[in-house]
PDB file of N, CA and C in Angstrom:
ATOM      1  N   MET A   1       2.799 -75.846  -2.540  1.00  0.00           N
ATOM      2  CA  MET A   1       2.878 -74.422  -2.763  1.00  0.00           C
ATOM      3  C   MET A   1       4.117 -74.112  -3.598  1.00  0.00           C
ATOM      4  N   ALA A   2       3.957 -73.265  -4.577  1.00  0.00           N
ATOM      5  CA  ALA A   2       5.058 -72.911  -5.473  1.00  0.00           C
ATOM      6  C   ALA A   2       6.045 -71.995  -4.763  1.00  0.00           C
ATOM      7  N   ARG A   3       7.303 -72.124  -5.119  1.00  0.00           N
ATOM      8  CA  ARG A   3       8.324 -71.269  -4.529  1.00  0.00           C
ATOM      9  C   ARG A   3       8.219 -69.874  -5.116  1.00  0.00           C
ATOM     10  N   PRO A   4       8.633 -68.850  -4.387  1.00  0.00           N
ATOM     11  CA  PRO A   4       8.566 -67.489  -4.928  1.00  0.00           C
ATOM     12  C   PRO A   4       9.590 -67.296  -6.048  1.00  0.00           C
ATOM     13  N   VAL A   5       9.242 -66.469  -7.015  1.00  0.00           N
ATOM     14  CA  VAL A   5      10.131 -66.143  -8.128  1.00  0.00           C
ATOM     15  C   VAL A   5      10.963 -64.938  -7.716  1.00  0.00           C
ATOM     16  N   LEU A   6      12.261 -65.015  -7.938  1.00  0.00           N
ATOM     17  CA  LEU A   6      13.178 -63.935  -7.555  1.00  0.00           C
ATOM     18  C   LEU A   6      13.762 -63.310  -8.826  1.00  0.00           C
ATOM     19  N   LEU A   7      13.185 -62.196  -9.262  1.00  0.00           N
ATOM     20  CA  LEU A   7      13.635 -61.510 -10.474  1.00  0.00           C
ATOM     21  C   LEU A   7      14.770 -60.560 -10.096  1.00  0.00           C
ATOM     22  N   ASN A   8      15.984 -61.094 -10.009  1.00  0.00           N
ATOM     23  CA  ASN A   8      17.119 -60.318  -9.500  1.00  0.00           C
ATOM     24  C   ASN A   8      18.236 -60.078 -10.518  1.00  0.00           C
ATOM     25  N   TRP A   9      18.006 -60.416 -11.788  1.00  0.00           N
ATOM     26  CA  TRP A   9      18.995 -60.174 -12.839  1.00  0.00           C
ATOM     27  C   TRP A   9      18.441 -59.147 -13.818  1.00  0.00           C
ATOM     28  N   ARG A  10      19.189 -58.065 -14.038  1.00  0.00           N
ATOM     29  CA  ARG A  10      18.787 -57.073 -15.031  1.00  0.00           C
ATOM     30  C   ARG A  10      19.275 -57.562 -16.385  1.00  0.00           C
ATOM     31  N   LEU A  11      18.347 -57.761 -17.287  1.00  0.00           N
ATOM     32  CA  LEU A  11      18.638 -58.310 -18.618  1.00  0.00           C
ATOM     33  C   LEU A  11      18.166 -57.337 -19.683  1.00  0.00           C
ATOM     34  N   PHE A  12      18.963 -57.194 -20.729  1.00  0.00           N
ATOM     35  CA  PHE A  12      18.585 -56.360 -21.854  1.00  0.00           C
ATOM     36  C   PHE A  12      18.113 -57.270 -22.973  1.00  0.00           C
ATOM     37  N   LEU A  13      16.890 -57.060 -23.440  1.00  0.00           N
ATOM     38  CA  LEU A  13      16.338 -57.838 -24.542  1.00  0.00           C
ATOM     39  C   LEU A  13      16.844 -57.242 -25.844  1.00  0.00           C
ATOM     40  N   GLU A  14      17.425 -58.087 -26.700  1.00  0.00           N
ATOM     41  CA  GLU A  14      17.997 -57.633 -27.963  1.00  0.00           C
ATOM     42  C   GLU A  14      17.470 -58.461 -29.127  1.00  0.00           C
ATOM     43  N   GLU A  15      17.472 -57.829 -30.303  1.00  0.00           N
ATOM     44  CA  GLU A  15      17.022 -58.487 -31.519  1.00  0.00           C
ATOM     45  C   GLU A  15      18.050 -58.249 -32.620  1.00  0.00           C
ATOM     46  N   ARG A  16      18.309 -59.272 -33.421  1.00  0.00           N
ATOM     47  CA  ARG A  16      19.261 -59.160 -34.532  1.00  0.00           C
ATOM     48  C   ARG A  16      18.583 -58.401 -35.673  1.00  0.00           C
ATOM     49  N   GLN A  17      19.293 -57.400 -36.194  1.00  0.00           N
ATOM     50  CA  GLN A  17      18.768 -56.626 -37.315  1.00  0.00           C
ATOM     51  C   GLN A  17      19.846 -56.436 -38.368  1.00  0.00           C
ATOM     52  N   ARG A  18      19.405 -56.333 -39.615  1.00  0.00           N
ATOM     53  CA  ARG A  18      20.319 -56.086 -40.733  1.00  0.00           C
ATOM     54  C   ARG A  18      20.522 -54.588 -40.880  1.00  0.00           C
ATOM     55  N   VAL A  19      21.769 -54.200 -41.122  1.00  0.00           N
ATOM     56  CA  VAL A  19      22.116 -52.797 -41.314  1.00  0.00           C
ATOM     57  C   VAL A  19      22.863 -52.678 -42.641  1.00  0.00           C
ATOM     58  N   SER A  20      22.444 -51.732 -43.466  1.00  0.00           N
ATOM     59  CA  SER A  20      23.093 -51.513 -44.760  1.00  0.00           C
ATOM     60  C   SER A  20      24.553 -51.136 -44.545  1.00  0.00           C
ATOM     61  N   ASP A  21      25.427 -51.693 -45.401  1.00  0.00           N
ATOM     62  CA  ASP A  21      26.847 -51.339 -45.301  1.00  0.00           C
ATOM     63  C   ASP A  21      27.206 -50.205 -46.261  1.00  0.00           C
ATOM     64  N   GLY A  22      26.214 -49.679 -46.989  1.00  0.00           N
ATOM     65  CA  GLY A  22      26.445 -48.565 -47.902  1.00  0.00           C
ATOM     66  C   GLY A  22      26.998 -48.980 -49.254  1.00  0.00           C
ATOM     67  N   ALA A  23      27.273 -50.255 -49.443  1.00  0.00           N
ATOM     68  CA  ALA A  23      27.832 -50.732 -50.711  1.00  0.00           C
ATOM     69  C   ALA A  23      26.940 -51.802 -51.333  1.00  0.00           C
ATOM     70  N   GLY A  24      25.659 -51.804 -50.972  1.00  0.00           N
ATOM     71  CA  GLY A  24      24.717 -52.766 -51.522  1.00  0.00           C
ATOM     72  C   GLY A  24      24.571 -54.028 -50.699  1.00  0.00           C
ATOM     73  N   GLY A  25      25.382 -54.188 -49.686  1.00  0.00           N
ATOM     74  CA  GLY A  25      25.295 -55.349 -48.810  1.00  0.00           C
ATOM     75  C   GLY A  25      24.754 -54.954 -47.460  1.00  0.00           C
ATOM     76  N   PHE A  26      24.955 -55.812 -46.510  1.00  0.00           N
ATOM     77  CA  PHE A  26      24.490 -55.535 -45.163  1.00  0.00           C
ATOM     78  C   PHE A  26      25.356 -56.264 -44.154  1.00  0.00           C
ATOM     79  N   SER A  27      25.265 -55.837 -42.937  1.00  0.00           N
ATOM     80  CA  SER A  27      25.864 -56.564 -41.823  1.00  0.00           C
ATOM     81  C   SER A  27      24.757 -56.765 -40.795  1.00  0.00           C
ATOM     82  N   GLU A  28      24.983 -57.664 -39.881  1.00  0.00           N
ATOM     83  CA  GLU A  28      23.999 -57.917 -38.834  1.00  0.00           C
ATOM     84  C   GLU A  28      24.521 -57.370 -37.521  1.00  0.00           C
ATOM     85  N   THR A  29      23.620 -56.796 -36.752  1.00  0.00           N
ATOM     86  CA  THR A  29      23.968 -56.251 -35.447  1.00  0.00           C
ATOM     87  C   THR A  29      22.825 -56.525 -34.486  1.00  0.00           C
ATOM     88  N   TRP A  30      23.104 -56.452 -33.205  1.00  0.00           N
ATOM     89  CA  TRP A  30      22.073 -56.642 -32.186  1.00  0.00           C
ATOM     90  C   TRP A  30      21.607 -55.284 -31.709  1.00  0.00           C
ATOM     91  N   VAL A  31      20.289 -55.078 -31.680  1.00  0.00           N
ATOM     92  CA  VAL A  31      19.680 -53.823 -31.276  1.00  0.00           C
ATOM     93  C   VAL A  31      18.912 -54.048 -29.979  1.00  0.00           C
ATOM     94  N   GLN A  32      19.146 -53.181 -29.003  1.00  0.00           N
ATOM     95  CA  GLN A  32      18.482 -53.302 -27.704  1.00  0.00           C
ATOM     96  C   GLN A  32      17.024 -52.870 -27.822  1.00  0.00           C
ATOM     97  N   LEU A  33      16.113 -53.720 -27.344  1.00  0.00           N
ATOM     98  CA  LEU A  33      14.681 -53.439 -27.393  1.00  0.00           C
ATOM     99  C   LEU A  33      14.148 -52.928 -26.063  1.00  0.00           C
ATOM    100  N   GLY A  34      14.796 -53.303 -24.975  1.00  0.00           N
ATOM    101  CA  GLY A  34      14.317 -52.899 -23.656  1.00  0.00           C
ATOM    102  C   GLY A  34      15.030 -53.656 -22.564  1.00  0.00           C
ATOM    103  N   GLN A  35      14.575 -53.417 -21.358  1.00  0.00           N
ATOM    104  CA  GLN A  35      15.179 -54.024 -20.169  1.00  0.00           C
ATOM    105  C   GLN A  35      14.114 -54.809 -19.410  1.00  0.00           C
ATOM    106  N   LEU A  36      14.481 -56.006 -18.971  1.00  0.00           N
ATOM    107  CA  LEU A  36      13.600 -56.851 -18.173  1.00  0.00           C
ATOM    108  C   LEU A  36      14.374 -57.345 -16.958  1.00  0.00           C
ATOM    109  N   TRP A  37      13.656 -57.682 -15.912  1.00  0.00           N
ATOM    110  CA  TRP A  37      14.263 -58.331 -14.757  1.00  0.00           C
ATOM    111  C   TRP A  37      13.877 -59.795 -14.809  1.00  0.00           C
ATOM    112  N   GLY A  38      14.849 -60.676 -14.551  1.00  0.00           N
ATOM    113  CA  GLY A  38      14.581 -62.102 -14.662  1.00  0.00           C
ATOM    114  C   GLY A  38      15.270 -62.926 -13.592  1.00  0.00           C
ATOM    115  N   GLU A  39      14.866 -64.175 -13.547  1.00  0.00           N
ATOM    116  CA  GLU A  39      15.485 -65.175 -12.678  1.00  0.00           C
ATOM    117  C   GLU A  39      16.178 -66.176 -13.598  1.00  0.00           C
ATOM    118  N   ILE A  40      17.467 -66.398 -13.377  1.00  0.00           N
ATOM    119  CA  ILE A  40      18.249 -67.302 -14.220  1.00  0.00           C
ATOM    120  C   ILE A  40      18.570 -68.572 -13.445  1.00  0.00           C
ATOM    121  N   GLN A  41      18.247 -69.708 -14.047  1.00  0.00           N
ATOM    122  CA  GLN A  41      18.557 -71.006 -13.458  1.00  0.00           C
ATOM    123  C   GLN A  41      19.338 -71.834 -14.478  1.00  0.00           C
ATOM    124  N   THR A  42      20.532 -72.276 -14.096  1.00  0.00           N
ATOM    125  CA  THR A  42      21.318 -73.146 -14.971  1.00  0.00           C
ATOM    126  C   THR A  42      20.662 -74.522 -14.961  1.00  0.00           C
ATOM    127  N   ARG A  43      20.423 -75.070 -16.137  1.00  0.00           N
ATOM    128  CA  ARG A  43      19.755 -76.368 -16.234  1.00  0.00           C
ATOM    129  C   ARG A  43      20.702 -77.472 -16.653  1.00  0.00           C
ATOM    130  N   SER A  44      21.680 -77.178 -17.528  1.00  0.00           N
ATOM    131  CA  SER A  44      22.628 -78.210 -17.936  1.00  0.00           C
ATOM    132  C   SER A  44      23.884 -77.568 -18.495  1.00  0.00           C
ATOM    133  N   VAL A  45      24.974 -78.295 -18.378  1.00  0.00           N
ATOM    134  CA  VAL A  45      26.243 -77.868 -18.950  1.00  0.00           C
ATOM    135  C   VAL A  45      26.795 -79.065 -19.709  1.00  0.00           C
ATOM    136  N   ARG A  46      27.196 -78.832 -20.958  1.00  0.00           N
ATOM    137  CA  ARG A  46      27.737 -79.917 -21.768  1.00  0.00           C
ATOM    138  C   ARG A  46      29.058 -79.464 -22.352  1.00  0.00           C
ATOM    139  N   ALA A  47      30.092 -80.225 -22.119  1.00  0.00           N
ATOM    140  CA  ALA A  47      31.404 -79.922 -22.696  1.00  0.00           C
ATOM    141  C   ALA A  47      31.434 -80.451 -24.118  1.00  0.00           C
ATOM    142  N   THR A  48      31.957 -79.640 -25.030  1.00  0.00           N
ATOM    143  CA  THR A  48      32.092 -80.063 -26.416  1.00  0.00           C
ATOM    144  C   THR A  48      33.526 -79.827 -26.858  1.00  0.00           C
ATOM    145  N   GLU A  49      33.968 -80.569 -27.845  1.00  0.00           N
ATOM    146  CA  GLU A  49      35.334 -80.467 -28.352  1.00  0.00           C
ATOM    147  C   GLU A  49      35.325 -79.666 -29.650  1.00  0.00           C
ATOM    148  N   VAL A  50      36.184 -78.664 -29.708  1.00  0.00           N
ATOM    149  CA  VAL A  50      36.365 -77.897 -30.937  1.00  0.00           C
ATOM    150  C   VAL A  50      37.848 -77.891 -31.257  1.00  0.00           C
ATOM    151  N   SER A  51      38.230 -77.510 -32.482  1.00  0.00           N
ATOM    152  CA  SER A  51      39.624 -77.595 -32.915  1.00  0.00           C
ATOM    153  C   SER A  51      40.569 -76.771 -32.051  1.00  0.00           C
ATOM    154  N   ALA A  52      40.094 -75.644 -31.508  1.00  0.00           N
ATOM    155  CA  ALA A  52      40.962 -74.783 -30.699  1.00  0.00           C
ATOM    156  C   ALA A  52      40.996 -75.206 -29.231  1.00  0.00           C
ATOM    157  N   GLY A  53      40.261 -76.255 -28.869  1.00  0.00           N
ATOM    158  CA  GLY A  53      40.222 -76.694 -27.476  1.00  0.00           C
ATOM    159  C   GLY A  53      38.802 -76.951 -27.039  1.00  0.00           C
ATOM    160  N   GLY A  54      38.612 -77.186 -25.744  1.00  0.00           N
ATOM    161  CA  GLY A  54      37.292 -77.484 -25.211  1.00  0.00           C
ATOM    162  C   GLY A  54      36.465 -76.235 -25.001  1.00  0.00           C
ATOM    163  N   THR A  55      35.175 -76.411 -25.007  1.00  0.00           N
ATOM    164  CA  THR A  55      34.250 -75.325 -24.701  1.00  0.00           C
ATOM    165  C   THR A  55      33.032 -75.932 -24.018  1.00  0.00           C
ATOM    166  N   ALA A  56      32.200 -75.100 -23.447  1.00  0.00           N
ATOM    167  CA  ALA A  56      31.020 -75.605 -22.747  1.00  0.00           C
ATOM    168  C   ALA A  56      29.778 -74.927 -23.298  1.00  0.00           C
ATOM    169  N   LEU A  57      28.706 -75.681 -23.390  1.00  0.00           N
ATOM    170  CA  LEU A  57      27.410 -75.156 -23.774  1.00  0.00           C
ATOM    171  C   LEU A  57      26.533 -75.202 -22.536  1.00  0.00           C
ATOM    172  N   GLU A  58      26.102 -74.044 -22.080  1.00  0.00           N
ATOM    173  CA  GLU A  58      25.242 -73.977 -20.904  1.00  0.00           C
ATOM    174  C   GLU A  58      23.830 -73.646 -21.329  1.00  0.00           C
ATOM    175  N   ARG A  59      22.889 -74.407 -20.813  1.00  0.00           N
ATOM    176  CA  ARG A  59      21.474 -74.161 -21.058  1.00  0.00           C
ATOM    177  C   ARG A  59      20.901 -73.552 -19.784  1.00  0.00           C
ATOM    178  N   HIS A  60      20.075 -72.524 -19.964  1.00  0.00           N
ATOM    179  CA  HIS A  60      19.473 -71.841 -18.828  1.00  0.00           C
ATOM    180  C   HIS A  60      17.975 -71.725 -19.034  1.00  0.00           C
ATOM    181  N   ARG A  61      17.306 -71.656 -17.907  1.00  0.00           N
ATOM    182  CA  ARG A  61      15.876 -71.384 -17.859  1.00  0.00           C
ATOM    183  C   ARG A  61      15.760 -69.995 -17.253  1.00  0.00           C
ATOM    184  N   ILE A  62      15.170 -69.057 -17.983  1.00  0.00           N
ATOM    185  CA  ILE A  62      15.042 -67.684 -17.500  1.00  0.00           C
ATOM    186  C   ILE A  62      13.559 -67.343 -17.392  1.00  0.00           C
ATOM    187  N   LEU A  63      13.157 -66.912 -16.196  1.00  0.00           N
ATOM    188  CA  LEU A  63      11.783 -66.465 -15.962  1.00  0.00           C
ATOM    189  C   LEU A  63      11.742 -64.950 -15.978  1.00  0.00           C
ATOM    190  N   VAL A  64      10.773 -64.378 -16.707  1.00  0.00           N
ATOM    191  CA  VAL A  64      10.542 -62.936 -16.732  1.00  0.00           C
ATOM    192  C   VAL A  64       9.037 -62.712 -16.547  1.00  0.00           C
ATOM    193  N   ARG A  65       8.657 -61.470 -16.254  1.00  0.00           N
ATOM    194  CA  ARG A  65       7.227 -61.153 -16.111  1.00  0.00           C
ATOM    195  C   ARG A  65       6.492 -61.435 -17.417  1.00  0.00           C
ATOM    196  N   GLY A  66       5.246 -61.845 -17.280  1.00  0.00           N
ATOM    197  CA  GLY A  66       4.423 -62.175 -18.433  1.00  0.00           C
ATOM    198  C   GLY A  66       4.070 -60.958 -19.274  1.00  0.00           C
ATOM    199  N   ALA A  67       3.875 -61.181 -20.552  1.00  0.00           N
ATOM    200  CA  ALA A  67       3.416 -60.154 -21.492  1.00  0.00           C
ATOM    201  C   ALA A  67       2.642 -60.877 -22.591  1.00  0.00           C
ATOM    202  N   ALA A  68       1.602 -60.229 -23.093  1.00  0.00           N
ATOM    203  CA  ALA A  68       0.739 -60.841 -24.098  1.00  0.00           C
ATOM    204  C   ALA A  68       1.464 -60.995 -25.436  1.00  0.00           C
ATOM    205  N   GLU A  69       0.992 -61.948 -26.249  1.00  0.00           N
ATOM    206  CA  GLU A  69       1.504 -62.106 -27.613  1.00  0.00           C
ATOM    207  C   GLU A  69       1.404 -60.762 -28.321  1.00  0.00           C
ATOM    208  N   GLY A  70       2.448 -60.372 -29.049  1.00  0.00           N
ATOM    209  CA  GLY A  70       2.453 -59.116 -29.777  1.00  0.00           C
ATOM    210  C   GLY A  70       2.949 -57.926 -28.970  1.00  0.00           C
ATOM    211  N   ASP A  71       3.036 -58.066 -27.657  1.00  0.00           N
ATOM    212  CA  ASP A  71       3.564 -56.996 -26.806  1.00  0.00           C
ATOM    213  C   ASP A  71       5.075 -56.927 -27.016  1.00  0.00           C
ATOM    214  N   PRO A  72       5.644 -55.729 -27.262  1.00  0.00           N
ATOM    215  CA  PRO A  72       7.089 -55.637 -27.511  1.00  0.00           C
ATOM    216  C   PRO A  72       7.945 -56.060 -26.316  1.00  0.00           C
ATOM    217  N   ARG A  73       7.341 -56.142 -25.133  1.00  0.00           N
ATOM    218  CA  ARG A  73       8.093 -56.594 -23.950  1.00  0.00           C
ATOM    219  C   ARG A  73       8.153 -58.114 -23.852  1.00  0.00           C
ATOM    220  N   ARG A  74       7.453 -58.810 -24.733  1.00  0.00           N
ATOM    221  CA  ARG A  74       7.459 -60.276 -24.703  1.00  0.00           C
ATOM    222  C   ARG A  74       8.624 -60.800 -25.540  1.00  0.00           C
ATOM    223  N   PRO A  75       9.553 -61.517 -24.909  1.00  0.00           N
ATOM    224  CA  PRO A  75      10.668 -62.101 -25.670  1.00  0.00           C
ATOM    225  C   PRO A  75      10.147 -63.140 -26.660  1.00  0.00           C
ATOM    226  N   SER A  76      10.931 -63.409 -27.687  1.00  0.00           N
ATOM    227  CA  SER A  76      10.573 -64.452 -28.648  1.00  0.00           C
ATOM    228  C   SER A  76      11.834 -65.198 -29.078  1.00  0.00           C
ATOM    229  N   ALA A  77      11.620 -66.391 -29.608  1.00  0.00           N
ATOM    230  CA  ALA A  77      12.742 -67.213 -30.075  1.00  0.00           C
ATOM    231  C   ALA A  77      13.529 -66.440 -31.121  1.00  0.00           C
ATOM    232  N   GLY A  78      14.858 -66.544 -31.050  1.00  0.00           N
ATOM    233  CA  GLY A  78      15.739 -65.840 -31.968  1.00  0.00           C
ATOM    234  C   GLY A  78      16.273 -64.540 -31.401  1.00  0.00           C
ATOM    235  N   GLN A  79      15.588 -63.994 -30.408  1.00  0.00           N
ATOM    236  CA  GLN A  79      16.113 -62.815 -29.714  1.00  0.00           C
ATOM    237  C   GLN A  79      17.106 -63.303 -28.663  1.00  0.00           C
ATOM    238  N   ARG A  80      17.662 -62.374 -27.900  1.00  0.00           N
ATOM    239  CA  ARG A  80      18.562 -62.778 -26.819  1.00  0.00           C
ATOM    240  C   ARG A  80      18.456 -61.803 -25.656  1.00  0.00           C
ATOM    241  N   PHE A  81      18.846 -62.305 -24.489  1.00  0.00           N
ATOM    242  CA  PHE A  81      19.031 -61.472 -23.306  1.00  0.00           C
ATOM    243  C   PHE A  81      20.526 -61.224 -23.183  1.00  0.00           C
ATOM    244  N   ARG A  82      20.911 -60.019 -22.771  1.00  0.00           N
ATOM    245  CA  ARG A  82      22.322 -59.723 -22.522  1.00  0.00           C
ATOM    246  C   ARG A  82      22.472 -59.186 -21.118  1.00  0.00           C
ATOM    247  N   ASN A  83      23.532 -59.640 -20.454  1.00  0.00           N
ATOM    248  CA  ASN A  83      23.906 -59.154 -19.128  1.00  0.00           C
ATOM    249  C   ASN A  83      25.424 -59.063 -19.124  1.00  0.00           C
ATOM    250  N   GLY A  84      25.954 -57.845 -19.265  1.00  0.00           N
ATOM    251  CA  GLY A  84      27.400 -57.676 -19.309  1.00  0.00           C
ATOM    252  C   GLY A  84      27.988 -58.396 -20.502  1.00  0.00           C
ATOM    253  N   SER A  85      28.978 -59.265 -20.257  1.00  0.00           N
ATOM    254  CA  SER A  85      29.648 -59.977 -21.345  1.00  0.00           C
ATOM    255  C   SER A  85      28.983 -61.309 -21.676  1.00  0.00           C
ATOM    256  N   LYS A  86      27.836 -61.588 -21.068  1.00  0.00           N
ATOM    257  CA  LYS A  86      27.130 -62.834 -21.353  1.00  0.00           C
ATOM    258  C   LYS A  86      25.864 -62.546 -22.142  1.00  0.00           C
ATOM    259  N   ALA A  87      25.579 -63.437 -23.079  1.00  0.00           N
ATOM    260  CA  ALA A  87      24.345 -63.349 -23.859  1.00  0.00           C
ATOM    261  C   ALA A  87      23.645 -64.698 -23.758  1.00  0.00           C
ATOM    262  N   TYR A  88      22.329 -64.647 -23.700  1.00  0.00           N
ATOM    263  CA  TYR A  88      21.503 -65.845 -23.588  1.00  0.00           C
ATOM    264  C   TYR A  88      20.568 -65.878 -24.794  1.00  0.00           C
ATOM    265  N   THR A  89      20.899 -66.677 -25.805  1.00  0.00           N
ATOM    266  CA  THR A  89      20.082 -66.788 -27.005  1.00  0.00           C
ATOM    267  C   THR A  89      18.807 -67.554 -26.656  1.00  0.00           C
ATOM    268  N   ILE A  90      17.661 -66.984 -27.026  1.00  0.00           N
ATOM    269  CA  ILE A  90      16.368 -67.564 -26.662  1.00  0.00           C
ATOM    270  C   ILE A  90      15.957 -68.603 -27.702  1.00  0.00           C
ATOM    271  N   ASP A  91      15.753 -69.839 -27.231  1.00  0.00           N
ATOM    272  CA  ASP A  91      15.310 -70.926 -28.102  1.00  0.00           C
ATOM    273  C   ASP A  91      13.794 -71.053 -28.130  1.00  0.00           C
ATOM    274  N   SER A  92      13.139 -70.844 -26.970  1.00  0.00           N
ATOM    275  CA  SER A  92      11.680 -70.947 -26.914  1.00  0.00           C
ATOM    276  C   SER A  92      11.147 -70.140 -25.743  1.00  0.00           C
ATOM    277  N   VAL A  93       9.867 -69.735 -25.867  1.00  0.00           N
ATOM    278  CA  VAL A  93       9.189 -68.954 -24.837  1.00  0.00           C
ATOM    279  C   VAL A  93       7.786 -69.517 -24.651  1.00  0.00           C
ATOM    280  N   SER A  94       7.373 -69.692 -23.394  1.00  0.00           N
ATOM    281  CA  SER A  94       6.010 -70.132 -23.102  1.00  0.00           C
ATOM    282  C   SER A  94       5.586 -69.575 -21.751  1.00  0.00           C
ATOM    283  N   GLU A  95       4.286 -69.609 -21.490  1.00  0.00           N
ATOM    284  CA  GLU A  95       3.814 -69.208 -20.176  1.00  0.00           C
ATOM    285  C   GLU A  95       4.309 -70.224 -19.156  1.00  0.00           C
ATOM    286  N   ASN A  96       4.703 -69.733 -17.991  1.00  0.00           N
ATOM    287  CA  ASN A  96       5.204 -70.626 -16.945  1.00  0.00           C
ATOM    288  C   ASN A  96       4.070 -71.428 -16.303  1.00  0.00           C
ATOM    289  N   ASP A  97       2.867 -70.849 -16.247  1.00  0.00           N
ATOM    290  CA  ASP A  97       1.701 -71.539 -15.697  1.00  0.00           C
ATOM    291  C   ASP A  97       0.441 -70.964 -16.330  1.00  0.00           C
ATOM    292  N   ALA A  98      -0.709 -71.449 -15.921  1.00  0.00           N
ATOM    293  CA  ALA A  98      -1.978 -71.030 -16.529  1.00  0.00           C
ATOM    294  C   ALA A  98      -2.292 -69.557 -16.305  1.00  0.00           C
ATOM    295  N   SER A  99      -1.765 -68.953 -15.250  1.00  0.00           N
ATOM    296  CA  SER A  99      -2.065 -67.545 -14.974  1.00  0.00           C
ATOM    297  C   SER A  99      -1.360 -66.598 -15.945  1.00  0.00           C
ATOM    298  N   GLY A 100      -0.258 -67.040 -16.560  1.00  0.00           N
ATOM    299  CA  GLY A 100       0.491 -66.194 -17.488  1.00  0.00           C
ATOM    300  C   GLY A 100       1.264 -65.077 -16.811  1.00  0.00           C
ATOM    301  N   MET A 101       1.425 -65.166 -15.492  1.00  0.00           N
ATOM    302  CA  MET A 101       2.126 -64.114 -14.754  1.00  0.00           C
ATOM    303  C   MET A 101       3.611 -64.055 -15.119  1.00  0.00           C
ATOM    304  N   TYR A 102       4.186 -65.219 -15.437  1.00  0.00           N
ATOM    305  CA  TYR A 102       5.594 -65.280 -15.809  1.00  0.00           C
ATOM    306  C   TYR A 102       5.754 -66.047 -17.108  1.00  0.00           C
ATOM    307  N   LEU A 103       6.801 -65.687 -17.854  1.00  0.00           N
ATOM    308  CA  LEU A 103       7.165 -66.396 -19.071  1.00  0.00           C
ATOM    309  C   LEU A 103       8.410 -67.221 -18.804  1.00  0.00           C
ATOM    310  N   LEU A 104       8.456 -68.405 -19.359  1.00  0.00           N
ATOM    311  CA  LEU A 104       9.590 -69.308 -19.242  1.00  0.00           C
ATOM    312  C   LEU A 104      10.349 -69.292 -20.556  1.00  0.00           C
ATOM    313  N   CYS A 105      11.618 -68.879 -20.508  1.00  0.00           N
ATOM    314  CA  CYS A 105      12.464 -68.806 -21.694  1.00  0.00           C
ATOM    315  C   CYS A 105      13.592 -69.822 -21.560  1.00  0.00           C
ATOM    316  N   TRP A 106      13.694 -70.733 -22.530  1.00  0.00           N
ATOM    317  CA  TRP A 106      14.814 -71.669 -22.580  1.00  0.00           C
ATOM    318  C   TRP A 106      15.895 -71.042 -23.434  1.00  0.00           C
ATOM    319  N   THR A 107      17.125 -70.969 -22.898  1.00  0.00           N
ATOM    320  CA  THR A 107      18.197 -70.240 -23.573  1.00  0.00           C
ATOM    321  C   THR A 107      19.501 -71.030 -23.609  1.00  0.00           C
ATOM    322  N   ARG A 108      20.406 -70.556 -24.484  1.00  0.00           N
ATOM    323  CA  ARG A 108      21.788 -71.051 -24.556  1.00  0.00           C
ATOM    324  C   ARG A 108      22.703 -69.873 -24.259  1.00  0.00           C
ATOM    325  N   GLU A 109      23.679 -70.072 -23.411  1.00  0.00           N
ATOM    326  CA  GLU A 109      24.586 -68.986 -23.035  1.00  0.00           C
ATOM    327  C   GLU A 109      25.775 -68.909 -23.980  1.00  0.00           C
ATOM    328  N   GLU A 110      26.179 -67.678 -24.288  1.00  0.00           N
ATOM    329  CA  GLU A 110      27.429 -67.447 -25.014  1.00  0.00           C
ATOM    330  C   GLU A 110      28.145 -66.297 -24.338  1.00  0.00           C
ATOM    331  N   VAL A 111      29.462 -66.315 -24.403  1.00  0.00           N
ATOM    332  CA  VAL A 111      30.256 -65.231 -23.842  1.00  0.00           C
ATOM    333  C   VAL A 111      30.655 -64.324 -24.988  1.00  0.00           C
ATOM    334  N   LEU A 112      30.332 -63.031 -24.862  1.00  0.00           N
ATOM    335  CA  LEU A 112      30.624 -62.058 -25.907  1.00  0.00           C
ATOM    336  C   LEU A 112      32.075 -61.604 -25.798  1.00  0.00           C
ATOM    337  N   THR A 113      32.711 -61.370 -26.941  1.00  0.00           N
ATOM    338  CA  THR A 113      34.087 -60.904 -26.932  1.00  0.00           C
ATOM    339  C   THR A 113      34.175 -59.500 -27.465  1.00  0.00           C
TER     340      THR A 113
END
């Protein structure tokens, strides 16, 4: 028997969009698309070395309610979830099982400054 899913994290789904800078160029910003409730599970942590010191890359598995392809509530790769000062960049999205009740999102965590 499968364990129950606990959607206890409020996550804001965001998408990167280009915004005109008024001088013929553009800048990129994240635009909020909506709010979802999800279950976050840490899957791996890898320490990496950078010139300013050590840092960690955390991979997470995030489950959210299912939504059909093309539905604006369905996350997609390249978007991100945000919760406070943490952002979870979405690498891939698939149905968690044959029923499609939940979506499985593989993500990378970053801390926003």
